[in-house]
N, C-alpha and C. Protein backbone atom coordinates (compact mmCIF):
# COMPACT_ATOMS: atom_id res chain seq x y z
N MET A 1 -103.92 -10.18 12.65
CA MET A 1 -103.65 -8.76 12.69
C MET A 1 -102.15 -8.56 12.95
N ARG A 2 -101.58 -7.60 12.29
CA ARG A 2 -100.15 -7.33 12.37
C ARG A 2 -99.88 -6.17 13.33
N ASP A 3 -98.89 -6.35 14.18
CA ASP A 3 -98.49 -5.26 15.08
C ASP A 3 -97.40 -4.44 14.41
N GLY A 4 -97.48 -3.14 14.52
CA GLY A 4 -96.44 -2.27 13.99
C GLY A 4 -96.51 -2.09 12.49
N PRO A 5 -95.58 -1.31 11.98
CA PRO A 5 -95.58 -1.00 10.55
C PRO A 5 -95.17 -2.21 9.71
N SER A 6 -95.60 -2.20 8.45
CA SER A 6 -95.25 -3.28 7.54
C SER A 6 -93.77 -3.21 7.19
N GLU A 7 -93.27 -4.28 6.61
CA GLU A 7 -91.87 -4.29 6.17
C GLU A 7 -91.61 -3.19 5.15
N GLU A 8 -92.55 -2.96 4.27
CA GLU A 8 -92.39 -1.91 3.25
C GLU A 8 -92.26 -0.54 3.91
N VAL A 9 -93.10 -0.26 4.88
CA VAL A 9 -93.05 1.03 5.58
C VAL A 9 -91.72 1.15 6.33
N LYS A 10 -91.25 0.08 6.93
CA LYS A 10 -89.96 0.12 7.62
C LYS A 10 -88.83 0.45 6.65
N HIS A 11 -88.85 -0.17 5.48
CA HIS A 11 -87.80 0.10 4.48
C HIS A 11 -87.87 1.54 3.98
N LEU A 12 -89.07 2.03 3.74
CA LEU A 12 -89.23 3.41 3.28
C LEU A 12 -88.77 4.40 4.36
N ALA A 13 -89.09 4.10 5.60
CA ALA A 13 -88.67 4.96 6.71
C ALA A 13 -87.15 4.96 6.85
N ASP A 14 -86.54 3.79 6.69
CA ASP A 14 -85.08 3.70 6.74
C ASP A 14 -84.46 4.55 5.64
N ALA A 15 -84.99 4.44 4.43
CA ALA A 15 -84.46 5.20 3.30
C ALA A 15 -84.62 6.70 3.53
N GLU A 16 -85.78 7.12 4.00
CA GLU A 16 -86.01 8.53 4.25
C GLU A 16 -85.06 9.07 5.33
N ALA A 17 -84.90 8.31 6.39
CA ALA A 17 -84.00 8.73 7.46
C ALA A 17 -82.56 8.82 6.96
N ALA A 18 -82.15 7.86 6.13
CA ALA A 18 -80.78 7.87 5.59
C ALA A 18 -80.54 9.10 4.71
N ILE A 19 -81.49 9.43 3.87
CA ILE A 19 -81.35 10.61 3.01
C ILE A 19 -81.25 11.88 3.86
N MET A 20 -82.11 12.00 4.86
CA MET A 20 -82.07 13.18 5.72
C MET A 20 -80.75 13.28 6.46
N LEU A 21 -80.25 12.16 6.95
CA LEU A 21 -78.98 12.14 7.66
C LEU A 21 -77.83 12.56 6.75
N ILE A 22 -77.79 12.00 5.55
CA ILE A 22 -76.73 12.34 4.60
C ILE A 22 -76.78 13.82 4.25
N GLU A 23 -77.97 14.35 4.01
CA GLU A 23 -78.09 15.77 3.69
C GLU A 23 -77.58 16.63 4.85
N CYS A 24 -77.94 16.27 6.07
CA CYS A 24 -77.46 17.02 7.25
C CYS A 24 -75.94 16.94 7.37
N LEU A 25 -75.39 15.75 7.12
CA LEU A 25 -73.93 15.60 7.18
C LEU A 25 -73.24 16.43 6.09
N MET A 26 -73.84 16.48 4.91
CA MET A 26 -73.26 17.29 3.83
C MET A 26 -73.23 18.77 4.23
N VAL A 27 -74.32 19.24 4.77
CA VAL A 27 -74.38 20.64 5.20
C VAL A 27 -73.36 20.90 6.30
N THR A 28 -73.23 19.98 7.24
CA THR A 28 -72.26 20.14 8.33
C THR A 28 -70.83 20.18 7.78
N LEU A 29 -70.53 19.32 6.82
CA LEU A 29 -69.18 19.32 6.22
C LEU A 29 -68.87 20.65 5.56
N VAL A 30 -69.86 21.24 4.92
CA VAL A 30 -69.66 22.56 4.30
C VAL A 30 -69.51 23.63 5.38
N GLU A 31 -70.39 23.61 6.37
CA GLU A 31 -70.33 24.61 7.43
C GLU A 31 -69.02 24.56 8.20
N GLN A 32 -68.45 23.38 8.38
CA GLN A 32 -67.19 23.23 9.10
C GLN A 32 -65.97 23.48 8.21
N GLY A 33 -66.20 23.73 6.93
CA GLY A 33 -65.10 24.03 6.02
C GLY A 33 -64.32 22.80 5.57
N VAL A 34 -64.87 21.61 5.81
CA VAL A 34 -64.20 20.38 5.39
C VAL A 34 -64.29 20.22 3.88
N LEU A 35 -65.46 20.50 3.34
CA LEU A 35 -65.70 20.46 1.90
C LEU A 35 -66.41 21.74 1.48
N THR A 36 -66.30 22.06 0.22
CA THR A 36 -67.00 23.23 -0.30
C THR A 36 -68.35 22.78 -0.88
N THR A 37 -69.22 23.75 -1.06
CA THR A 37 -70.50 23.43 -1.69
C THR A 37 -70.30 22.80 -3.06
N PRO A 38 -69.41 23.36 -3.92
CA PRO A 38 -69.20 22.71 -5.22
C PRO A 38 -68.71 21.26 -5.11
N GLN A 39 -67.89 20.97 -4.10
CA GLN A 39 -67.44 19.59 -3.92
C GLN A 39 -68.59 18.66 -3.55
N ILE A 40 -69.45 19.13 -2.66
CA ILE A 40 -70.61 18.34 -2.24
C ILE A 40 -71.55 18.15 -3.42
N VAL A 41 -71.83 19.23 -4.14
CA VAL A 41 -72.70 19.13 -5.31
C VAL A 41 -72.09 18.18 -6.34
N GLY A 42 -70.77 18.23 -6.50
CA GLY A 42 -70.09 17.32 -7.42
C GLY A 42 -70.30 15.86 -7.04
N ALA A 43 -70.24 15.56 -5.76
CA ALA A 43 -70.46 14.19 -5.29
C ALA A 43 -71.89 13.74 -5.60
N VAL A 44 -72.84 14.62 -5.39
CA VAL A 44 -74.23 14.29 -5.71
C VAL A 44 -74.39 14.10 -7.21
N GLU A 45 -73.71 14.92 -7.99
CA GLU A 45 -73.79 14.81 -9.45
C GLU A 45 -73.24 13.47 -9.94
N VAL A 46 -72.21 12.94 -9.29
CA VAL A 46 -71.69 11.62 -9.66
C VAL A 46 -72.76 10.55 -9.41
N ALA A 47 -73.41 10.62 -8.26
CA ALA A 47 -74.49 9.67 -7.97
C ALA A 47 -75.63 9.83 -8.97
N LEU A 48 -75.92 11.07 -9.32
CA LEU A 48 -76.98 11.36 -10.29
C LEU A 48 -76.65 10.77 -11.66
N ALA A 49 -75.43 10.91 -12.09
CA ALA A 49 -75.01 10.35 -13.38
C ALA A 49 -75.13 8.82 -13.37
N THR A 50 -74.79 8.22 -12.26
CA THR A 50 -74.90 6.77 -12.13
C THR A 50 -76.35 6.33 -12.25
N LYS A 51 -77.23 7.01 -11.56
CA LYS A 51 -78.65 6.65 -11.61
C LYS A 51 -79.23 6.90 -13.01
N ARG A 52 -78.81 7.98 -13.66
CA ARG A 52 -79.27 8.22 -15.04
C ARG A 52 -78.82 7.09 -15.96
N GLN A 53 -77.61 6.61 -15.75
CA GLN A 53 -77.12 5.50 -16.57
C GLN A 53 -77.92 4.24 -16.29
N MET A 54 -78.29 4.04 -15.04
CA MET A 54 -79.11 2.88 -14.70
C MET A 54 -80.46 2.92 -15.41
N VAL A 55 -81.04 4.12 -15.51
CA VAL A 55 -82.29 4.27 -16.25
C VAL A 55 -82.06 3.88 -17.70
N ALA A 56 -81.00 4.43 -18.30
CA ALA A 56 -80.68 4.15 -19.70
C ALA A 56 -80.42 2.66 -19.93
N ASP A 57 -79.77 2.02 -18.98
CA ASP A 57 -79.45 0.60 -19.09
C ASP A 57 -80.61 -0.31 -18.68
N ARG A 58 -81.72 0.30 -18.29
CA ARG A 58 -82.90 -0.43 -17.82
C ARG A 58 -82.59 -1.33 -16.62
N GLU A 59 -81.73 -0.82 -15.76
CA GLU A 59 -81.39 -1.52 -14.52
C GLU A 59 -82.25 -0.93 -13.40
N HIS A 60 -83.28 -1.64 -13.02
CA HIS A 60 -84.27 -1.13 -12.06
C HIS A 60 -84.72 0.27 -12.48
N PRO A 61 -85.22 0.42 -13.70
CA PRO A 61 -85.49 1.75 -14.24
C PRO A 61 -86.51 2.58 -13.46
N ARG A 62 -87.53 1.96 -12.90
CA ARG A 62 -88.53 2.74 -12.16
C ARG A 62 -87.93 3.30 -10.89
N ILE A 63 -87.18 2.49 -10.18
CA ILE A 63 -86.54 2.95 -8.95
C ILE A 63 -85.47 3.99 -9.27
N ALA A 64 -84.66 3.71 -10.28
CA ALA A 64 -83.59 4.63 -10.66
C ALA A 64 -84.16 5.98 -11.09
N ALA A 65 -85.28 5.98 -11.80
CA ALA A 65 -85.89 7.23 -12.25
C ALA A 65 -86.35 8.08 -11.06
N VAL A 66 -86.92 7.44 -10.07
CA VAL A 66 -87.32 8.18 -8.86
C VAL A 66 -86.08 8.71 -8.15
N ALA A 67 -85.03 7.91 -8.09
CA ALA A 67 -83.78 8.35 -7.46
C ALA A 67 -83.19 9.55 -8.20
N VAL A 68 -83.30 9.57 -9.53
CA VAL A 68 -82.83 10.72 -10.31
C VAL A 68 -83.54 11.99 -9.85
N GLY A 69 -84.85 11.89 -9.67
CA GLY A 69 -85.61 13.06 -9.21
C GLY A 69 -85.17 13.52 -7.82
N LEU A 70 -84.97 12.57 -6.92
CA LEU A 70 -84.55 12.91 -5.56
C LEU A 70 -83.15 13.53 -5.55
N LEU A 71 -82.24 12.93 -6.30
CA LEU A 71 -80.87 13.46 -6.35
C LEU A 71 -80.82 14.82 -7.03
N THR A 72 -81.64 15.02 -8.04
CA THR A 72 -81.70 16.33 -8.70
C THR A 72 -82.17 17.39 -7.72
N ARG A 73 -83.20 17.07 -6.97
CA ARG A 73 -83.72 18.02 -5.97
C ARG A 73 -82.66 18.31 -4.91
N LEU A 74 -81.96 17.28 -4.46
CA LEU A 74 -80.89 17.46 -3.47
C LEU A 74 -79.78 18.32 -4.02
N SER A 75 -79.35 18.04 -5.24
CA SER A 75 -78.28 18.81 -5.87
C SER A 75 -78.67 20.28 -6.01
N ASN A 76 -79.88 20.52 -6.48
CA ASN A 76 -80.37 21.90 -6.64
C ASN A 76 -80.45 22.62 -5.30
N SER A 77 -80.92 21.92 -4.29
CA SER A 77 -81.04 22.51 -2.96
C SER A 77 -79.66 22.88 -2.40
N LEU A 78 -78.71 21.97 -2.54
CA LEU A 78 -77.36 22.24 -2.04
C LEU A 78 -76.71 23.38 -2.82
N ALA A 79 -76.87 23.37 -4.14
CA ALA A 79 -76.26 24.41 -4.98
C ALA A 79 -76.84 25.78 -4.67
N ALA A 80 -78.11 25.83 -4.30
CA ALA A 80 -78.76 27.11 -4.02
C ALA A 80 -78.51 27.62 -2.61
N SER A 81 -77.96 26.76 -1.75
CA SER A 81 -77.75 27.17 -0.36
C SER A 81 -76.68 28.27 -0.30
N LYS A 82 -76.79 29.10 0.68
CA LYS A 82 -75.86 30.22 0.86
C LYS A 82 -74.63 29.83 1.67
N ARG A 83 -74.50 28.57 1.99
CA ARG A 83 -73.40 28.10 2.84
C ARG A 83 -72.13 28.00 2.05
C-alpha cells in the first residue's frame, strides 16, 4: 500500500499550483502598473504560439494541444479583465 499521493498526482498538483501562481503574479503586475494588460496578454500569446508550433511539429502533440487550450483560456481571461 502506498502512502500519500502518487507521483502523477504530485506532478499535476505542482503544475496546477504553478499556473495559479503565475496568473496571480500577472494580475498583480497589472494592478501595480508594472505591466499593462496588453503586455501580459502579449506574453501569453508568445507562449501560445510556441505551443501551437509544437503541435504542428508533432513535438509532444497531445500535451502541447492541452497547453494550447489552457493558454487560450488564460489569454482570454486576462484580456477580458477590467484591470
